[in-house]
């Protein structure tokens, strides 16, 4: 398969959580035209920037640690757990408008908010 990017801005180790039970290890490339995930052995995901609708960051420890992010596209959603989450979001921020980046609300947080509202 032909590479999507002409220039790679950041290369990080990542797991593609295509299914929540079986993570696929590989490398995520963030470049000038989009995101590319190359799985170890088999597997390849290409996401052009023009297809991305939103990016939801998974934040932990008082918003100091970025575990990974969800990339929502026009045709579906992809979940990546990355080794350098903050750097990955910054690299994507150079190519995407800042208003599409949000914080992902975990199920624990939403449950805690419902309990405290009572």
Protein backbone atom coordinates (compact mmCIF):
# COMPACT_ATOMS: atom_id res chain seq x y z
CA UNK A 1 0.00 0.00 0.00
CA UNK A 2 1.25 3.46 -0.88
CA UNK A 3 2.09 5.85 1.99
CA UNK A 4 -0.38 8.67 2.64
CA UNK A 5 2.15 11.23 3.89
CA UNK A 6 5.03 12.84 2.05
CA UNK A 7 6.58 14.06 5.31
CA UNK A 8 6.24 12.40 8.74
CA UNK A 9 6.12 14.85 11.67
CA UNK A 10 5.92 12.26 14.46
CA UNK A 11 6.30 8.51 14.76
CA UNK A 12 5.05 6.85 17.98
CA UNK A 13 4.41 3.33 19.21
CA UNK A 14 0.69 2.73 19.38
CA UNK A 15 -2.03 0.16 19.81
CA UNK A 16 -5.04 0.29 17.56
CA UNK A 17 -8.06 -0.65 19.62
CA UNK A 18 -10.08 -1.77 16.61
CA UNK A 19 -11.76 -4.27 18.91
CA UNK A 20 -11.70 -3.55 22.63
CA UNK A 21 -10.67 -7.11 23.46
CA UNK A 22 -7.79 -7.47 20.99
CA UNK A 23 -5.45 -4.46 20.69
CA UNK A 24 -3.25 -4.40 17.58
CA UNK A 25 0.32 -3.16 18.30
CA UNK A 26 2.12 -1.09 15.72
CA UNK A 27 3.40 2.38 14.84
CA UNK A 28 1.34 5.54 14.30
CA UNK A 29 2.72 8.07 11.83
CA UNK A 30 1.43 11.65 11.97
CA UNK A 31 2.37 13.54 8.85
CA UNK A 32 1.48 16.34 6.48
CA UNK A 33 -1.59 14.63 4.96
CA UNK A 34 -3.04 12.52 7.77
CA UNK A 35 -2.61 9.63 10.20
CA UNK A 36 -1.20 6.25 9.25
CA UNK A 37 -1.16 3.21 11.50
CA UNK A 38 0.96 0.23 10.50
CA UNK A 39 0.31 -2.85 12.58
CA UNK A 40 2.97 -5.40 13.37
CA UNK A 41 2.58 -8.15 10.82
CA UNK A 42 -0.69 -7.25 9.13
CA UNK A 43 -2.92 -4.24 9.37
CA UNK A 44 -2.90 -0.76 7.93
CA UNK A 45 -5.09 2.28 8.64
CA UNK A 46 -4.92 5.55 6.71
CA UNK A 47 -6.95 8.56 7.86
CA UNK A 48 -6.63 11.75 5.75
CA UNK A 49 -7.08 15.00 7.70
CA UNK A 50 -10.02 16.02 5.49
CA UNK A 51 -11.97 12.96 6.76
CA UNK A 52 -11.51 13.75 10.48
CA UNK A 53 -14.57 15.18 12.22
CA UNK A 54 -13.28 15.24 15.80
CA UNK A 55 -10.46 14.04 18.04
CA UNK A 56 -11.36 13.05 21.62
CA UNK A 57 -8.41 12.83 24.01
CA UNK A 58 -8.37 10.32 26.88
CA UNK A 59 -7.01 12.31 29.85
CA UNK A 60 -6.05 10.90 33.25
CA UNK A 61 -4.45 12.07 36.52
CA UNK A 62 -5.98 15.51 36.61
CA UNK A 63 -5.62 16.00 32.86
CA UNK A 64 -1.82 15.62 33.06
CA UNK A 65 -1.50 12.30 31.23
CA UNK A 66 -2.81 11.59 27.72
CA UNK A 67 -3.36 7.84 27.33
CA UNK A 68 -4.63 7.98 23.78
CA UNK A 69 -7.40 9.39 21.64
CA UNK A 70 -10.42 8.60 19.52
CA UNK A 71 -10.40 9.83 15.93
CA UNK A 72 -13.96 10.26 14.67
CA UNK A 73 -14.26 10.29 10.89
CA UNK A 74 -17.14 10.60 8.45
CA UNK A 75 -17.24 6.80 8.15
CA UNK A 76 -16.46 5.63 11.71
CA UNK A 77 -14.34 5.97 14.82
CA UNK A 78 -10.82 4.75 15.60
CA UNK A 79 -9.26 4.38 19.05
CA UNK A 80 -5.49 4.63 19.48
CA UNK A 81 -3.50 4.16 22.69
CA UNK A 82 -0.12 5.81 22.17
CA UNK A 83 3.19 6.03 24.02
CA UNK A 84 3.50 9.82 23.63
CA UNK A 85 -0.07 11.10 23.64
CA UNK A 86 0.63 14.76 24.32
CA UNK A 87 3.17 14.96 21.48
CA UNK A 88 0.78 13.16 19.12
CA UNK A 89 -2.03 15.65 19.83
CA UNK A 90 0.36 18.57 19.35
CA UNK A 91 1.53 17.16 16.01
CA UNK A 92 -2.08 16.75 14.83
CA UNK A 93 -2.86 20.27 16.08
CA UNK A 94 -0.47 21.68 13.49
CA UNK A 95 -2.69 20.35 10.69
CA UNK A 96 -6.21 20.39 12.16
CA UNK A 97 -8.40 23.23 13.48
CA UNK A 98 -8.29 23.44 17.27
CA UNK A 99 -12.08 23.39 17.69
CA UNK A 100 -12.29 19.69 16.77
CA UNK A 101 -10.18 18.62 19.77
CA UNK A 102 -12.21 17.68 22.85
CA UNK A 103 -11.79 15.72 26.05
CA UNK A 104 -13.36 12.28 26.11
CA UNK A 105 -15.67 11.85 29.10
CA UNK A 106 -15.13 8.40 30.58
CA UNK A 107 -18.00 6.26 31.84
CA UNK A 108 -16.65 6.63 35.39
CA UNK A 109 -16.80 10.44 35.17
CA UNK A 110 -20.34 10.45 33.79
CA UNK A 111 -21.47 8.06 36.55
CA UNK A 112 -19.80 10.23 39.22
CA UNK A 113 -21.56 13.35 37.85
CA UNK A 114 -24.95 11.62 38.01
CA UNK A 115 -24.36 10.57 41.64
CA UNK A 116 -23.25 14.03 42.78
CA UNK A 117 -26.24 15.78 41.11
CA UNK A 118 -28.67 14.07 43.51
